[in-house]
PDB file of N, CA and C in Angstrom:
ATOM      1  N   UNK A   1      10.700   1.400 -10.246  1.00  0.00           N
ATOM      2  CA  UNK A   1      11.572   2.409  -9.536  1.00  0.00           C
ATOM      3  C   UNK A   1      11.863   3.440 -10.654  1.00  0.00           C
ATOM      4  N   UNK A   2      11.020   4.391  -9.217  1.00  0.00           N
ATOM      5  CA  UNK A   2      11.731   6.293 -10.092  1.00  0.00           C
ATOM      6  C   UNK A   2      12.775   6.546  -9.540  1.00  0.00           C
ATOM      7  N   UNK A   3      14.057   5.599  -9.425  1.00  0.00           N
ATOM      8  CA  UNK A   3      14.964   6.204  -9.200  1.00  0.00           C
ATOM      9  C   UNK A   3      16.259   7.029  -9.951  1.00  0.00           C
ATOM     10  N   UNK A   4      16.945   7.180  -9.230  1.00  0.00           N
ATOM     11  CA  UNK A   4      18.326   8.200  -9.874  1.00  0.00           C
ATOM     12  C   UNK A   4      19.103   7.439 -10.263  1.00  0.00           C
ATOM     13  N   UNK A   5      19.014   7.887 -12.018  1.00  0.00           N
ATOM     14  CA  UNK A   5      19.966   7.402 -12.813  1.00  0.00           C
ATOM     15  C   UNK A   5      21.412   7.804 -12.841  1.00  0.00           C
ATOM     16  N   UNK A   6      22.301   7.498 -13.481  1.00  0.00           N
ATOM     17  CA  UNK A   6      23.797   7.496 -13.721  1.00  0.00           C
ATOM     18  C   UNK A   6      24.224   9.114 -13.574  1.00  0.00           C
ATOM     19  N   UNK A   7      23.371   9.787 -14.179  1.00  0.00           N
ATOM     20  CA  UNK A   7      23.224  11.843 -14.380  1.00  0.00           C
ATOM     21  C   UNK A   7      22.621  12.334 -13.423  1.00  0.00           C
ATOM     22  N   UNK A   8      22.034  11.204 -12.013  1.00  0.00           N
ATOM     23  CA  UNK A   8      21.878  11.947 -11.024  1.00  0.00           C
ATOM     24  C   UNK A   8      19.934  12.560 -10.980  1.00  0.00           C
ATOM     25  N   UNK A   9      19.671  12.398 -12.341  1.00  0.00           N
ATOM     26  CA  UNK A   9      18.207  12.665 -12.531  1.00  0.00           C
ATOM     27  C   UNK A   9      16.928  11.907 -12.488  1.00  0.00           C
ATOM     28  N   UNK A  10      15.740  11.372 -11.893  1.00  0.00           N
ATOM     29  CA  UNK A  10      15.235  10.863 -11.744  1.00  0.00           C
ATOM     30  C   UNK A  10      14.427  10.656 -13.210  1.00  0.00           C
ATOM     31  N   UNK A  11      13.885   9.054 -13.487  1.00  0.00           N
ATOM     32  CA  UNK A  11      13.229   9.205 -15.089  1.00  0.00           C
ATOM     33  C   UNK A  11      12.335   9.627 -15.012  1.00  0.00           C
ATOM     34  N   UNK A  12      10.913  10.259 -13.933  1.00  0.00           N
ATOM     35  CA  UNK A  12      10.049  10.962 -13.976  1.00  0.00           C
ATOM     36  C   UNK A  12      10.378  11.898 -13.002  1.00  0.00           C
ATOM     37  N   UNK A  13      10.379  12.926 -12.653  1.00  0.00           N
ATOM     38  CA  UNK A  13      10.900  13.534 -11.823  1.00  0.00           C
ATOM     39  C   UNK A  13       9.797  14.507 -11.248  1.00  0.00           C
ATOM     40  N   UNK A  14       8.783  14.609 -11.914  1.00  0.00           N
ATOM     41  CA  UNK A  14       7.625  15.163 -11.346  1.00  0.00           C
ATOM     42  C   UNK A  14       6.433  14.072 -10.401  1.00  0.00           C
ATOM     43  N   UNK A  15       7.222  12.745 -10.723  1.00  0.00           N
ATOM     44  CA  UNK A  15       6.518  11.969  -9.944  1.00  0.00           C
ATOM     45  C   UNK A  15       7.548  11.708  -8.573  1.00  0.00           C
ATOM     46  N   UNK A  16       6.890  11.475  -7.355  1.00  0.00           N
ATOM     47  CA  UNK A  16       7.563  11.182  -6.102  1.00  0.00           C
ATOM     48  C   UNK A  16       8.984  10.491  -6.398  1.00  0.00           C
ATOM     49  N   UNK A  17       9.662  10.140  -5.455  1.00  0.00           N
ATOM     50  CA  UNK A  17      10.732   9.433  -5.436  1.00  0.00           C
ATOM     51  C   UNK A  17      10.209   8.175  -5.633  1.00  0.00           C
ATOM     52  N   UNK A  18       9.102   7.352  -4.556  1.00  0.00           N
ATOM     53  CA  UNK A  18       9.040   6.529  -4.223  1.00  0.00           C
ATOM     54  C   UNK A  18       7.930   5.534  -4.965  1.00  0.00           C
ATOM     55  N   UNK A  19       7.547   6.384  -6.105  1.00  0.00           N
ATOM     56  CA  UNK A  19       6.263   5.849  -7.158  1.00  0.00           C
ATOM     57  C   UNK A  19       7.454   4.266  -7.687  1.00  0.00           C
ATOM     58  N   UNK A  20       6.816   3.780  -7.991  1.00  0.00           N
ATOM     59  CA  UNK A  20       6.844   2.176  -8.679  1.00  0.00           C
ATOM     60  C   UNK A  20       5.771   1.904  -9.765  1.00  0.00           C
ATOM     61  N   UNK A  21       6.711   1.188 -10.743  1.00  0.00           N
ATOM     62  CA  UNK A  21       5.759   1.426 -11.655  1.00  0.00           C
ATOM     63  C   UNK A  21       5.849   0.044 -12.745  1.00  0.00           C
ATOM     64  N   UNK A  22       5.102  -0.581 -13.780  1.00  0.00           N
ATOM     65  CA  UNK A  22       5.188  -1.572 -14.257  1.00  0.00           C
ATOM     66  C   UNK A  22       4.431  -1.110 -15.747  1.00  0.00           C
ATOM     67  N   UNK A  23       5.237  -1.948 -17.029  1.00  0.00           N
ATOM     68  CA  UNK A  23       4.526  -1.701 -18.078  1.00  0.00           C
ATOM     69  C   UNK A  23       4.454  -2.640 -18.344  1.00  0.00           C
ATOM     70  N   UNK A  24       3.179  -2.849 -19.199  1.00  0.00           N
ATOM     71  CA  UNK A  24       2.704  -4.334 -20.166  1.00  0.00           C
ATOM     72  C   UNK A  24       2.570  -4.132 -21.377  1.00  0.00           C
ATOM     73  N   UNK A  25       1.651  -5.108 -22.147  1.00  0.00           N
ATOM     74  CA  UNK A  25       1.278  -5.354 -23.678  1.00  0.00           C
ATOM     75  C   UNK A  25       0.835  -3.810 -23.520  1.00  0.00           C
ATOM     76  N   UNK A  26       0.905  -3.180 -24.805  1.00  0.00           N
ATOM     77  CA  UNK A  26       0.074  -2.297 -25.637  1.00  0.00           C
ATOM     78  C   UNK A  26      -0.275  -0.889 -24.441  1.00  0.00           C
ATOM     79  N   UNK A  27       0.967  -1.074 -23.772  1.00  0.00           N
ATOM     80  CA  UNK A  27       1.196   0.102 -23.055  1.00  0.00           C
ATOM     81  C   UNK A  27       0.084   0.333 -21.977  1.00  0.00           C
ATOM     82  N   UNK A  28       0.329  -1.022 -21.665  1.00  0.00           N
ATOM     83  CA  UNK A  28      -0.811  -1.741 -20.181  1.00  0.00           C
ATOM     84  C   UNK A  28       0.370  -0.672 -18.877  1.00  0.00           C
ATOM     85  N   UNK A  29      -0.176   0.066 -18.031  1.00  0.00           N
ATOM     86  CA  UNK A  29       0.786   0.685 -17.130  1.00  0.00           C
ATOM     87  C   UNK A  29       0.021   0.478 -15.797  1.00  0.00           C
ATOM     88  N   UNK A  30       0.926   0.294 -14.675  1.00  0.00           N
ATOM     89  CA  UNK A  30       0.191   0.260 -13.174  1.00  0.00           C
ATOM     90  C   UNK A  30       1.451   1.154 -12.616  1.00  0.00           C
ATOM     91  N   UNK A  31       0.899   2.409 -12.015  1.00  0.00           N
ATOM     92  CA  UNK A  31       1.840   3.157 -10.853  1.00  0.00           C
ATOM     93  C   UNK A  31       1.539   2.830  -9.237  1.00  0.00           C
ATOM     94  N   UNK A  32       2.006   2.756  -9.014  1.00  0.00           N
ATOM     95  CA  UNK A  32       2.119   2.658  -7.090  1.00  0.00           C
ATOM     96  C   UNK A  32       2.632   3.976  -6.647  1.00  0.00           C
ATOM     97  N   UNK A  33       2.044   4.748  -6.109  1.00  0.00           N
ATOM     98  CA  UNK A  33       2.654   6.148  -5.631  1.00  0.00           C
ATOM     99  C   UNK A  33       2.229   6.333  -4.168  1.00  0.00           C
ATOM    100  N   UNK A  34       2.930   5.408  -2.890  1.00  0.00           N
ATOM    101  CA  UNK A  34       2.619   5.715  -1.792  1.00  0.00           C
ATOM    102  C   UNK A  34       2.457   6.637  -0.946  1.00  0.00           C
ATOM    103  N   UNK A  35       3.707   7.729  -1.463  1.00  0.00           N
ATOM    104  CA  UNK A  35       3.644   9.215  -0.742  1.00  0.00           C
ATOM    105  C   UNK A  35       2.281  10.239  -1.249  1.00  0.00           C
ATOM    106  N   UNK A  36       1.216   9.324  -2.126  1.00  0.00           N
ATOM    107  CA  UNK A  36      -0.043   9.864  -2.478  1.00  0.00           C
ATOM    108  C   UNK A  36      -1.176   9.302  -2.173  1.00  0.00           C
ATOM    109  N   UNK A  37      -0.959   7.848  -1.879  1.00  0.00           N
ATOM    110  CA  UNK A  37      -1.790   6.966  -1.009  1.00  0.00           C
ATOM    111  C   UNK A  37      -2.824   6.749  -2.159  1.00  0.00           C
ATOM    112  N   UNK A  38      -1.802   5.931  -3.109  1.00  0.00           N
ATOM    113  CA  UNK A  38      -2.804   6.008  -5.091  1.00  0.00           C
ATOM    114  C   UNK A  38      -1.808   4.943  -5.587  1.00  0.00           C
ATOM    115  N   UNK A  39      -2.725   4.550  -6.207  1.00  0.00           N
ATOM    116  CA  UNK A  39      -2.408   3.232  -6.909  1.00  0.00           C
ATOM    117  C   UNK A  39      -3.303   3.697  -8.701  1.00  0.00           C
ATOM    118  N   UNK A  40      -2.878   4.095  -9.858  1.00  0.00           N
ATOM    119  CA  UNK A  40      -3.383   4.168 -11.059  1.00  0.00           C
ATOM    120  C   UNK A  40      -3.101   3.267 -12.340  1.00  0.00           C
ATOM    121  N   UNK A  41      -4.106   2.501 -12.511  1.00  0.00           N
ATOM    122  CA  UNK A  41      -4.218   1.538 -13.761  1.00  0.00           C
ATOM    123  C   UNK A  41      -4.301   2.057 -15.326  1.00  0.00           C
ATOM    124  N   UNK A  42      -3.456   1.955 -15.708  1.00  0.00           N
ATOM    125  CA  UNK A  42      -4.134   2.832 -17.537  1.00  0.00           C
ATOM    126  C   UNK A  42      -4.363   1.173 -18.455  1.00  0.00           C
ATOM    127  N   UNK A  43      -5.299   1.143 -19.000  1.00  0.00           N
ATOM    128  CA  UNK A  43      -5.057  -0.043 -19.949  1.00  0.00           C
ATOM    129  C   UNK A  43      -5.526   0.555 -21.391  1.00  0.00           C
ATOM    130  N   UNK A  44      -5.486  -0.314 -22.036  1.00  0.00           N
ATOM    131  CA  UNK A  44      -6.028   0.263 -23.536  1.00  0.00           C
ATOM    132  C   UNK A  44      -4.763  -0.065 -24.341  1.00  0.00           C
ATOM    133  N   UNK A  45      -4.856  -0.327 -25.311  1.00  0.00           N
ATOM    134  CA  UNK A  45      -4.268  -0.548 -26.840  1.00  0.00           C
ATOM    135  C   UNK A  45      -3.870   0.502 -27.239  1.00  0.00           C
ATOM    136  N   UNK A  46      -2.606   0.826 -27.694  1.00  0.00           N
ATOM    137  CA  UNK A  46      -1.532   1.587 -28.104  1.00  0.00           C
ATOM    138  C   UNK A  46      -0.284   1.576 -29.109  1.00  0.00           C
ATOM    139  N   UNK A  47       0.240   2.897 -30.087  1.00  0.00           N
ATOM    140  CA  UNK A  47       1.056   3.040 -30.806  1.00  0.00           C
ATOM    141  C   UNK A  47       1.924   3.451 -29.682  1.00  0.00           C
ATOM    142  N   UNK A  48       3.337   2.247 -29.620  1.00  0.00           N
ATOM    143  CA  UNK A  48       4.127   3.372 -28.671  1.00  0.00           C
ATOM    144  C   UNK A  48       5.018   4.148 -29.418  1.00  0.00           C
ATOM    145  N   UNK A  49       4.750   4.427 -30.579  1.00  0.00           N
ATOM    146  CA  UNK A  49       6.103   5.068 -31.614  1.00  0.00           C
ATOM    147  C   UNK A  49       5.120   6.317 -31.574  1.00  0.00           C
ATOM    148  N   UNK A  50       4.359   6.722 -31.294  1.00  0.00           N
ATOM    149  CA  UNK A  50       3.427   7.948 -31.639  1.00  0.00           C
ATOM    150  C   UNK A  50       4.071   8.519 -30.772  1.00  0.00           C
ATOM    151  N   UNK A  51       4.438   8.734 -29.262  1.00  0.00           N
ATOM    152  CA  UNK A  51       5.181   9.589 -28.246  1.00  0.00           C
ATOM    153  C   UNK A  51       6.135   9.307 -27.243  1.00  0.00           C
ATOM    154  N   UNK A  52       6.661  10.219 -26.687  1.00  0.00           N
ATOM    155  CA  UNK A  52       7.561   9.885 -25.641  1.00  0.00           C
ATOM    156  C   UNK A  52       6.764   9.416 -24.463  1.00  0.00           C
ATOM    157  N   UNK A  53       6.161   8.268 -24.058  1.00  0.00           N
ATOM    158  CA  UNK A  53       5.956   7.528 -23.115  1.00  0.00           C
ATOM    159  C   UNK A  53       6.233   8.295 -21.725  1.00  0.00           C
ATOM    160  N   UNK A  54       7.673   8.340 -21.597  1.00  0.00           N
ATOM    161  CA  UNK A  54       8.105   8.877 -20.558  1.00  0.00           C
ATOM    162  C   UNK A  54       8.221  10.550 -19.931  1.00  0.00           C
ATOM    163  N   UNK A  55       7.843  10.912 -21.505  1.00  0.00           N
ATOM    164  CA  UNK A  55       7.619  12.273 -20.804  1.00  0.00           C
ATOM    165  C   UNK A  55       6.282  12.754 -20.742  1.00  0.00           C
ATOM    166  N   UNK A  56       5.340  11.993 -20.975  1.00  0.00           N
ATOM    167  CA  UNK A  56       4.078  12.229 -21.122  1.00  0.00           C
ATOM    168  C   UNK A  56       3.392  12.069 -19.479  1.00  0.00           C
ATOM    169  N   UNK A  57       4.483  10.475 -19.387  1.00  0.00           N
ATOM    170  CA  UNK A  57       3.564  10.553 -17.870  1.00  0.00           C
ATOM    171  C   UNK A  57       4.309  11.340 -17.135  1.00  0.00           C
ATOM    172  N   UNK A  58       5.682  11.775 -17.090  1.00  0.00           N
ATOM    173  CA  UNK A  58       6.029  13.213 -16.638  1.00  0.00           C
ATOM    174  C   UNK A  58       5.210  14.033 -16.360  1.00  0.00           C
ATOM    175  N   UNK A  59       4.836  14.427 -17.657  1.00  0.00           N
ATOM    176  CA  UNK A  59       4.168  15.559 -17.261  1.00  0.00           C
ATOM    177  C   UNK A  59       2.558  15.038 -17.030  1.00  0.00           C
ATOM    178  N   UNK A  60       2.051  14.176 -16.791  1.00  0.00           N
ATOM    179  CA  UNK A  60       0.631  13.870 -16.004  1.00  0.00           C
ATOM    180  C   UNK A  60       1.242  13.942 -14.589  1.00  0.00           C
ATOM    181  N   UNK A  61       2.367  13.495 -14.551  1.00  0.00           N
ATOM    182  CA  UNK A  61       2.751  13.591 -12.792  1.00  0.00           C
ATOM    183  C   UNK A  61       2.937  14.829 -12.350  1.00  0.00           C
ATOM    184  N   UNK A  62       3.300  15.868 -13.178  1.00  0.00           N
ATOM    185  CA  UNK A  62       3.418  17.495 -12.724  1.00  0.00           C
ATOM    186  C   UNK A  62       1.829  17.881 -12.403  1.00  0.00           C
ATOM    187  N   UNK A  63       0.870  17.758 -13.421  1.00  0.00           N
ATOM    188  CA  UNK A  63      -0.580  18.048 -12.824  1.00  0.00           C
ATOM    189  C   UNK A  63      -1.169  17.329 -12.214  1.00  0.00           C
ATOM    190  N   UNK A  64      -1.101  15.662 -12.057  1.00  0.00           N
ATOM    191  CA  UNK A  64      -1.409  15.326 -10.574  1.00  0.00           C
ATOM    192  C   UNK A  64      -0.648  16.211  -9.631  1.00  0.00           C
ATOM    193  N   UNK A  65       0.392  15.656  -9.309  1.00  0.00           N
ATOM    194  CA  UNK A  65       0.943  16.897  -8.014  1.00  0.00           C
ATOM    195  C   UNK A  65       0.740  18.343  -7.862  1.00  0.00           C
ATOM    196  N   UNK A  66      -0.011  18.890  -8.543  1.00  0.00           N
ATOM    197  CA  UNK A  66      -0.434  20.283  -8.558  1.00  0.00           C
ATOM    198  C   UNK A  66      -2.012  19.985  -7.638  1.00  0.00           C
ATOM    199  N   UNK A  67      -2.582  18.755  -8.221  1.00  0.00           N
ATOM    200  CA  UNK A  67      -3.969  18.435  -7.732  1.00  0.00           C
ATOM    201  C   UNK A  67      -3.761  18.313  -6.096  1.00  0.00           C
ATOM    202  N   UNK A  68      -2.959  17.174  -5.709  1.00  0.00           N
ATOM    203  CA  UNK A  68      -2.532  16.509  -4.589  1.00  0.00           C
ATOM    204  C   UNK A  68      -1.976  17.267  -3.237  1.00  0.00           C
ATOM    205  N   UNK A  69      -0.903  18.117  -3.822  1.00  0.00           N
ATOM    206  CA  UNK A  69      -0.078  18.861  -3.430  1.00  0.00           C
ATOM    207  C   UNK A  69      -0.726  20.434  -2.385  1.00  0.00           C
TER     208      UNK A  69
END
């Protein structure tokens, strides 16, 4: 879940608070966003050491928020 951590921040602040996500092998991702009536699936092979994935997806959700709200 995109819950609030001990410091009071969400892991991905640009995603709605009710976002659920799961991560699998090779950075396959599943995002469920009830607030936006949306499910996003990302499949592919990936070298997870290249970039900060949480920051990448947070930026993605910021751009998506601009498009849907």
